[in-house]
N, C-alpha and C. Protein backbone atom coordinates (compact mmCIF):
# COMPACT_ATOMS: atom_id res chain seq x y z
N MET A 1 -67.71 10.68 -22.97
CA MET A 1 -66.24 10.65 -21.61
C MET A 1 -65.14 9.80 -22.08
N ARG A 2 -63.91 10.67 -22.28
CA ARG A 2 -62.83 10.28 -22.91
C ARG A 2 -61.77 9.71 -21.40
N PHE A 3 -61.03 8.49 -21.90
CA PHE A 3 -60.02 7.73 -20.88
C PHE A 3 -58.92 7.66 -21.59
N LYS A 4 -57.85 7.54 -20.90
CA LYS A 4 -56.68 7.49 -21.11
C LYS A 4 -56.46 5.72 -20.44
N ALA A 5 -56.04 5.14 -21.25
CA ALA A 5 -55.86 3.76 -20.94
C ALA A 5 -54.27 3.74 -20.20
N VAL A 6 -54.38 3.44 -18.97
CA VAL A 6 -53.01 3.39 -18.03
C VAL A 6 -52.33 2.22 -18.32
N VAL A 7 -52.81 0.87 -19.16
CA VAL A 7 -52.36 -0.14 -19.71
C VAL A 7 -53.13 -0.40 -20.84
N PRO A 8 -52.38 -1.65 -21.88
CA PRO A 8 -52.88 -1.30 -23.00
C PRO A 8 -54.09 -2.29 -22.88
N VAL A 9 -55.39 -2.04 -23.94
CA VAL A 9 -56.34 -2.91 -23.67
C VAL A 9 -55.90 -3.98 -24.57
N LEU A 10 -55.93 -5.67 -24.36
CA LEU A 10 -56.08 -7.01 -24.54
C LEU A 10 -55.91 -7.04 -26.35
N GLY A 11 -54.50 -6.65 -27.08
CA GLY A 11 -54.84 -6.62 -28.47
C GLY A 11 -55.01 -5.96 -28.91
N PHE A 12 -54.72 -4.60 -28.41
CA PHE A 12 -55.13 -3.11 -29.05
C PHE A 12 -53.97 -2.02 -27.92
N GLU A 13 -52.56 -2.88 -28.11
CA GLU A 13 -51.75 -1.65 -27.64
C GLU A 13 -51.55 -0.64 -28.19
N ASP A 14 -51.62 -0.59 -29.49
CA ASP A 14 -51.20 0.77 -29.73
C ASP A 14 -52.62 2.42 -29.65
N VAL A 15 -53.50 1.76 -29.07
CA VAL A 15 -54.71 2.81 -28.41
C VAL A 15 -54.40 2.77 -27.31
N ASN A 16 -54.21 4.51 -27.07
CA ASN A 16 -54.20 4.71 -25.43
C ASN A 16 -55.50 5.80 -25.10
N GLU A 17 -55.93 6.29 -26.10
CA GLU A 17 -57.63 6.97 -25.98
C GLU A 17 -58.76 5.98 -25.90
N TRP A 18 -59.43 5.81 -25.16
CA TRP A 18 -60.59 5.52 -25.46
C TRP A 18 -61.83 6.14 -25.01
N GLU A 19 -63.19 6.25 -25.56
CA GLU A 19 -64.40 7.14 -25.56
C GLU A 19 -65.39 6.10 -24.93
N LEU A 20 -65.87 6.51 -23.61
CA LEU A 20 -67.08 6.03 -23.49
C LEU A 20 -68.05 6.17 -23.73
N GLU A 21 -69.52 5.41 -23.99
CA GLU A 21 -70.45 6.24 -24.61
C GLU A 21 -71.64 4.96 -24.21
N ARG A 22 -72.23 5.68 -22.77
CA ARG A 22 -73.45 5.20 -22.21
C ARG A 22 -74.33 5.53 -23.48
N VAL A 23 -75.32 3.46 -23.49
CA VAL A 23 -76.04 3.63 -24.51
C VAL A 23 -77.63 3.25 -24.29
N ASP A 24 -77.30 2.80 -22.30
CA ASP A 24 -78.92 2.83 -21.15
C ASP A 24 -78.10 2.16 -20.21
N ASP A 25 -78.77 1.78 -19.15
CA ASP A 25 -78.46 1.74 -17.22
C ASP A 25 -77.50 0.46 -17.76
N ILE A 26 -77.71 -0.46 -18.81
CA ILE A 26 -76.92 -1.28 -18.44
C ILE A 26 -76.00 -1.72 -19.67
N PHE A 27 -75.95 -1.08 -21.10
CA PHE A 27 -75.00 -1.18 -21.93
C PHE A 27 -74.26 0.06 -22.35
N ALA A 28 -72.82 -0.13 -22.68
CA ALA A 28 -71.92 1.43 -23.19
C ALA A 28 -71.33 0.55 -23.95
N LYS A 29 -70.87 1.76 -25.18
CA LYS A 29 -69.85 1.34 -26.14
C LYS A 29 -68.63 1.98 -26.13
N LEU A 30 -67.39 1.36 -25.87
CA LEU A 30 -66.33 2.11 -25.82
C LEU A 30 -65.96 2.10 -27.26
N LYS A 31 -65.18 3.01 -27.79
CA LYS A 31 -64.44 2.82 -29.02
C LYS A 31 -62.91 3.78 -28.99
N ALA A 32 -62.17 3.41 -29.73
CA ALA A 32 -60.99 3.97 -29.95
C ALA A 32 -60.92 5.41 -30.05
N PHE A 33 -60.40 5.92 -29.31
CA PHE A 33 -60.32 7.84 -29.69
C PHE A 33 -59.13 7.99 -31.01
N LYS A 34 -59.41 8.98 -31.89
CA LYS A 34 -58.60 9.17 -32.73
C LYS A 34 -57.34 7.90 -33.22
N ASN A 35 -57.84 7.09 -33.55
CA ASN A 35 -57.33 6.09 -34.20
C ASN A 35 -57.72 5.18 -35.71
N SER A 36 -56.69 4.98 -36.40
CA SER A 36 -56.97 4.52 -38.10
C SER A 36 -57.93 4.22 -37.92
N LYS A 37 -58.15 2.39 -37.23
CA LYS A 37 -59.06 1.66 -37.29
C LYS A 37 -59.99 1.67 -36.27
N ASP A 38 -61.22 1.34 -36.90
CA ASP A 38 -62.32 1.21 -36.09
C ASP A 38 -62.62 0.58 -35.23
N VAL A 39 -61.89 0.64 -34.00
CA VAL A 39 -62.09 -0.29 -33.12
C VAL A 39 -63.51 -0.28 -32.08
N SER A 40 -64.15 -0.99 -31.49
CA SER A 40 -65.53 -0.53 -30.80
C SER A 40 -65.54 -2.16 -29.61
N PHE A 41 -65.95 -2.00 -28.31
CA PHE A 41 -66.43 -3.06 -27.81
C PHE A 41 -67.69 -2.60 -27.27
N THR A 42 -68.91 -3.91 -27.07
CA THR A 42 -70.02 -3.23 -26.43
C THR A 42 -69.56 -3.70 -25.11
N LEU A 43 -70.08 -3.02 -24.23
CA LEU A 43 -69.73 -3.11 -22.77
C LEU A 43 -71.32 -3.70 -21.78
N ILE A 44 -71.03 -4.46 -20.69
CA ILE A 44 -72.26 -4.52 -19.94
C ILE A 44 -71.99 -4.25 -18.62
N ASP A 45 -72.96 -3.90 -17.71
CA ASP A 45 -72.80 -3.72 -16.37
C ASP A 45 -72.70 -4.97 -15.77
N PRO A 46 -72.16 -5.45 -14.94
CA PRO A 46 -72.07 -7.47 -14.87
C PRO A 46 -73.03 -7.26 -13.35
N PHE A 47 -72.98 -6.33 -13.06
CA PHE A 47 -73.66 -6.45 -11.58
C PHE A 47 -75.76 -6.32 -11.84
N VAL A 48 -75.58 -6.03 -12.87
CA VAL A 48 -77.27 -6.18 -13.47
C VAL A 48 -77.41 -8.02 -13.63
N LEU A 49 -76.58 -8.51 -13.74
CA LEU A 49 -76.70 -10.04 -14.34
C LEU A 49 -76.41 -11.09 -13.11
N ARG A 50 -75.18 -10.73 -11.90
CA ARG A 50 -75.29 -11.50 -10.93
C ARG A 50 -74.31 -10.93 -10.29
N ASP A 51 -74.23 -11.40 -9.09
CA ASP A 51 -73.44 -10.69 -7.98
C ASP A 51 -71.91 -11.33 -8.56
N TYR A 52 -71.47 -9.76 -8.51
CA TYR A 52 -70.04 -9.76 -8.87
C TYR A 52 -69.22 -8.71 -8.15
N GLU A 53 -69.08 -9.43 -6.82
CA GLU A 53 -67.85 -8.76 -6.05
C GLU A 53 -66.70 -9.25 -6.57
N ILE A 54 -65.69 -7.92 -7.32
CA ILE A 54 -64.49 -8.36 -6.79
C ILE A 54 -63.40 -7.38 -6.33
N GLU A 55 -62.18 -7.72 -6.12
CA GLU A 55 -61.13 -7.31 -5.85
C GLU A 55 -60.03 -6.42 -6.99
N ILE A 56 -59.98 -4.93 -6.88
CA ILE A 56 -59.37 -4.39 -7.68
C ILE A 56 -57.84 -4.89 -7.37
N PRO A 57 -56.80 -5.26 -8.10
CA PRO A 57 -55.71 -5.33 -7.76
C PRO A 57 -54.78 -4.21 -7.44
N LYS A 58 -54.07 -4.42 -6.36
CA LYS A 58 -53.04 -3.16 -6.11
C LYS A 58 -52.76 -2.23 -6.86
N PHE A 59 -52.25 -2.99 -7.76
CA PHE A 59 -51.26 -3.03 -8.97
C PHE A 59 -52.05 -1.53 -9.80
N TYR A 60 -53.58 -2.46 -10.13
CA TYR A 60 -54.39 -1.67 -11.00
C TYR A 60 -54.89 0.05 -10.43
N LYS A 61 -55.26 -0.22 -9.22
CA LYS A 61 -55.45 0.29 -8.22
C LYS A 61 -54.83 1.77 -8.03
N GLU A 62 -53.42 1.39 -7.94
CA GLU A 62 -52.27 2.42 -7.48
C GLU A 62 -52.17 3.32 -9.33
N LEU A 63 -52.55 2.66 -10.62
CA LEU A 63 -51.90 3.12 -11.91
C LEU A 63 -53.33 3.70 -12.48
N LEU A 64 -54.30 3.72 -12.06
CA LEU A 64 -55.85 4.08 -11.74
C LEU A 64 -56.09 5.35 -11.02
N GLU A 65 -55.53 5.48 -9.96
CA GLU A 65 -55.56 6.20 -8.92
C GLU A 65 -56.57 6.19 -8.19
N ILE A 66 -56.93 5.10 -7.99
CA ILE A 66 -58.46 5.00 -7.22
C ILE A 66 -58.04 4.46 -5.74
N GLU A 67 -59.19 5.54 -4.87
CA GLU A 67 -59.02 5.58 -3.45
C GLU A 67 -60.53 5.30 -2.94
N ASP A 68 -60.64 5.45 -1.74
CA ASP A 68 -61.89 4.85 -1.49
C ASP A 68 -62.94 5.57 -1.87
N LYS A 69 -63.22 7.13 -1.96
CA LYS A 69 -63.73 8.01 -2.40
C LYS A 69 -64.18 8.02 -3.86
N SER A 70 -63.31 7.16 -4.94
CA SER A 70 -63.20 7.32 -6.44
C SER A 70 -64.58 7.18 -6.65
N TYR A 71 -65.07 7.98 -7.57
CA TYR A 71 -66.25 7.50 -8.36
C TYR A 71 -65.64 6.52 -9.61
N LYS A 72 -66.18 5.31 -9.69
CA LYS A 72 -65.10 4.15 -10.34
C LYS A 72 -66.56 3.32 -11.20
N LEU A 73 -66.16 2.63 -12.22
CA LEU A 73 -67.10 2.05 -13.20
C LEU A 73 -66.68 0.69 -13.55
N ILE A 74 -67.26 -0.06 -12.81
CA ILE A 74 -66.81 -1.45 -13.65
C ILE A 74 -67.40 -2.16 -14.82
N LEU A 75 -67.31 -2.37 -16.11
CA LEU A 75 -68.08 -3.08 -16.61
C LEU A 75 -67.24 -4.17 -17.52
N CYS A 76 -67.51 -5.34 -18.09
CA CYS A 76 -67.99 -6.17 -19.33
C CYS A 76 -67.70 -6.25 -20.50
N SER A 77 -66.79 -6.86 -21.02
CA SER A 77 -67.30 -7.08 -22.53
C SER A 77 -68.26 -7.86 -22.78
N VAL A 78 -68.71 -7.55 -24.18
CA VAL A 78 -69.84 -8.42 -24.38
C VAL A 78 -69.99 -8.64 -26.20
N ILE A 79 -70.12 -10.05 -26.58
CA ILE A 79 -70.55 -10.45 -27.63
C ILE A 79 -71.44 -10.31 -28.01
N VAL A 80 -72.20 -9.61 -28.61
CA VAL A 80 -73.78 -9.29 -28.52
C VAL A 80 -73.96 -10.38 -30.07
N GLN A 81 -75.36 -11.26 -29.56
CA GLN A 81 -75.62 -12.24 -30.92
C GLN A 81 -77.04 -12.24 -30.55
N GLN A 82 -77.51 -12.51 -31.80
CA GLN A 82 -78.92 -12.78 -31.84
C GLN A 82 -80.11 -14.02 -31.92
N PRO A 83 -80.45 -14.28 -30.88
CA PRO A 83 -81.35 -13.00 -29.78
C PRO A 83 -80.32 -12.82 -28.96
N LEU A 84 -80.60 -11.91 -27.94
CA LEU A 84 -79.70 -11.02 -27.14
C LEU A 84 -79.06 -12.03 -25.95
N GLU A 85 -79.90 -12.87 -25.80
CA GLU A 85 -80.02 -13.91 -24.70
C GLU A 85 -78.80 -14.95 -25.07
N ASN A 86 -78.46 -14.75 -26.59
CA ASN A 86 -76.99 -15.77 -26.49
C ASN A 86 -76.02 -15.09 -26.56
N SER A 87 -76.07 -13.70 -26.35
CA SER A 87 -74.91 -13.12 -26.09
C SER A 87 -73.99 -13.16 -24.93
N LYS A 88 -72.27 -13.38 -25.53
CA LYS A 88 -71.67 -13.92 -24.24
C LYS A 88 -70.29 -12.76 -23.59
N VAL A 89 -70.56 -12.76 -22.24
CA VAL A 89 -69.95 -11.77 -21.49
C VAL A 89 -68.71 -12.43 -21.15
N ASN A 90 -67.81 -11.74 -21.11
CA ASN A 90 -66.59 -11.88 -20.24
C ASN A 90 -66.25 -11.45 -18.75
N PHE A 91 -66.33 -12.23 -18.06
CA PHE A 91 -66.33 -11.48 -16.46
C PHE A 91 -64.90 -11.76 -15.63
N ILE A 92 -64.32 -12.33 -16.29
CA ILE A 92 -62.83 -12.65 -15.98
C ILE A 92 -61.85 -11.51 -16.01
N ALA A 93 -62.02 -10.57 -17.11
CA ALA A 93 -61.48 -9.93 -17.79
C ALA A 93 -61.85 -8.06 -17.92
N PRO A 94 -62.68 -7.27 -17.01
CA PRO A 94 -63.56 -6.80 -16.47
C PRO A 94 -62.43 -5.10 -17.34
N PHE A 95 -63.41 -4.31 -17.60
CA PHE A 95 -62.80 -3.00 -17.72
C PHE A 95 -63.21 -1.68 -16.90
N VAL A 96 -62.12 -1.21 -15.93
CA VAL A 96 -62.30 -0.54 -14.85
C VAL A 96 -62.18 0.83 -15.05
N PHE A 97 -63.14 1.93 -15.15
CA PHE A 97 -62.94 3.57 -15.32
C PHE A 97 -62.67 3.89 -13.77
N ASN A 98 -61.78 4.69 -13.28
CA ASN A 98 -61.77 5.83 -12.74
C ASN A 98 -62.32 7.10 -13.71
N ILE A 99 -63.92 7.15 -12.69
CA ILE A 99 -63.93 8.40 -13.75
C ILE A 99 -63.88 9.83 -13.47
N ASP A 100 -63.50 9.57 -11.98
CA ASP A 100 -62.66 11.16 -11.55
C ASP A 100 -61.13 11.40 -12.04
N LYS A 101 -60.35 10.63 -12.33
CA LYS A 101 -59.71 10.89 -12.89
C LYS A 101 -59.76 10.88 -14.61
N LYS A 102 -60.46 10.18 -15.45
CA LYS A 102 -60.64 9.75 -16.53
C LYS A 102 -59.12 8.96 -17.15
N LYS A 103 -59.17 7.99 -16.07
CA LYS A 103 -58.20 6.66 -16.56
C LYS A 103 -59.30 5.51 -16.63
N MET A 104 -58.61 4.29 -17.17
CA MET A 104 -59.19 3.39 -17.59
C MET A 104 -58.03 2.39 -17.64
N ALA A 105 -58.17 0.90 -17.24
CA ALA A 105 -58.09 -0.32 -17.79
C ALA A 105 -58.79 -1.05 -17.62
N GLN A 106 -58.07 -2.51 -18.80
CA GLN A 106 -58.89 -3.97 -18.52
C GLN A 106 -57.90 -4.61 -17.99
N ILE A 107 -58.34 -4.93 -17.32
CA ILE A 107 -57.63 -6.05 -15.99
C ILE A 107 -57.84 -7.46 -15.95
N VAL A 108 -57.44 -8.35 -16.05
CA VAL A 108 -57.39 -9.84 -15.75
C VAL A 108 -57.11 -10.46 -14.37
N LEU A 109 -58.45 -10.85 -14.06
CA LEU A 109 -58.64 -11.13 -12.68
C LEU A 109 -58.15 -12.60 -12.42
N ASP A 110 -57.70 -13.07 -11.30
CA ASP A 110 -56.95 -14.34 -11.21
C ASP A 110 -58.07 -15.65 -11.05
N GLY A 111 -57.69 -16.26 -12.15
CA GLY A 111 -58.96 -17.79 -12.21
C GLY A 111 -58.78 -18.46 -10.76
N GLU A 112 -57.84 -18.45 -10.30
CA GLU A 112 -57.61 -19.31 -9.43
C GLU A 112 -58.68 -18.52 -8.78
N LYS A 113 -59.24 -17.58 -8.17
CA LYS A 113 -59.38 -16.40 -6.97
C LYS A 113 -60.71 -16.65 -7.33
N TYR A 114 -61.05 -16.80 -8.50
CA TYR A 114 -62.31 -15.89 -9.39
C TYR A 114 -62.81 -17.15 -10.30
N LYS A 115 -63.16 -18.29 -9.46
CA LYS A 115 -62.92 -19.79 -10.30
C LYS A 115 -64.25 -19.78 -11.42
N ASN A 116 -65.66 -18.97 -10.47
CA ASN A 116 -66.90 -18.53 -11.24
C ASN A 116 -66.90 -18.07 -12.06
N PHE A 117 -66.08 -17.38 -13.04
CA PHE A 117 -66.18 -16.37 -13.89
C PHE A 117 -65.41 -16.75 -15.15
N GLY A 118 -66.40 -16.49 -16.19
CA GLY A 118 -65.22 -17.28 -17.27
C GLY A 118 -65.47 -16.21 -18.54
N ILE A 119 -64.45 -16.21 -19.33
CA ILE A 119 -64.62 -15.50 -20.79
C ILE A 119 -65.40 -15.25 -21.43
N MET A 120 -66.52 -16.32 -21.69
CA MET A 120 -67.62 -16.64 -22.47
C MET A 120 -68.80 -16.67 -22.05
N GLU A 121 -69.21 -16.86 -20.70
CA GLU A 121 -70.44 -16.90 -20.10
C GLU A 121 -71.37 -15.99 -21.16
N SER A 122 -72.51 -17.49 -21.22
CA SER A 122 -73.76 -16.80 -21.91
C SER A 122 -74.68 -16.39 -20.80
N ILE A 123 -75.40 -14.81 -21.66
CA ILE A 123 -76.31 -13.76 -20.95
C ILE A 123 -77.79 -15.11 -20.38
N SER A 124 -77.55 -15.52 -21.03
CA SER A 124 -79.52 -16.92 -20.68
C SER A 124 -78.50 -17.50 -19.60
N ASP A 125 -77.78 -17.63 -18.96
CA ASP A 125 -77.62 -18.50 -17.58
C ASP A 125 -78.12 -17.48 -16.29
N TYR A 126 -77.99 -16.23 -16.47
CA TYR A 126 -78.22 -15.04 -15.87
C TYR A 126 -79.54 -14.91 -15.70
N ILE A 127 -80.88 -14.92 -17.09
CA ILE A 127 -82.25 -14.53 -16.87
C ILE A 127 -82.73 -14.97 -16.11
N LYS A 128 -83.55 -14.67 -15.61
CA LYS A 128 -84.65 -15.79 -14.40
C LYS A 128 -86.13 -15.57 -15.14
N GLY A 129 -86.31 -16.63 -16.18
CA GLY A 129 -87.65 -16.55 -16.94
C GLY A 129 -88.70 -17.47 -16.06
C-alpha cells in the first residue's frame, strides 16, 4: 500500500512516497517508493510488546486528516539483530498511517510526557519467559 508522507521521515527529507508491506501480524517493511536510494525500515506493532497508549498531537492529526472513525495504524521502527530478542525498538518516534487517506508521518512524541518510551529499547525487555 502506498502512502504520501505529510511531513518528511527523519533523515529522508527527499522521499515523500512510501510503500508499506505487511510481513506478518507483527512486522512490516516500509520502503521508499520511486527513489534512487534503496531506503527501507523494518517496523513492528508496538502493541504486541507493551502497553502503548499515545495521543497523536493535534498538528499531526490535522495533517493526516485523522478523525474519530479513521482507520489508522501505528508502527515503530526496529533495528533487527540476531537473535531477534536483541533487536532495538524506537517507541518515541512512531510511524502513524491513515489507511483511509493513504497518508503517513513519523511523529516524535514529547519525551517529558512519555518518559517510559525510549529510542533504543530491547525487545528482550518485553518478552515474558
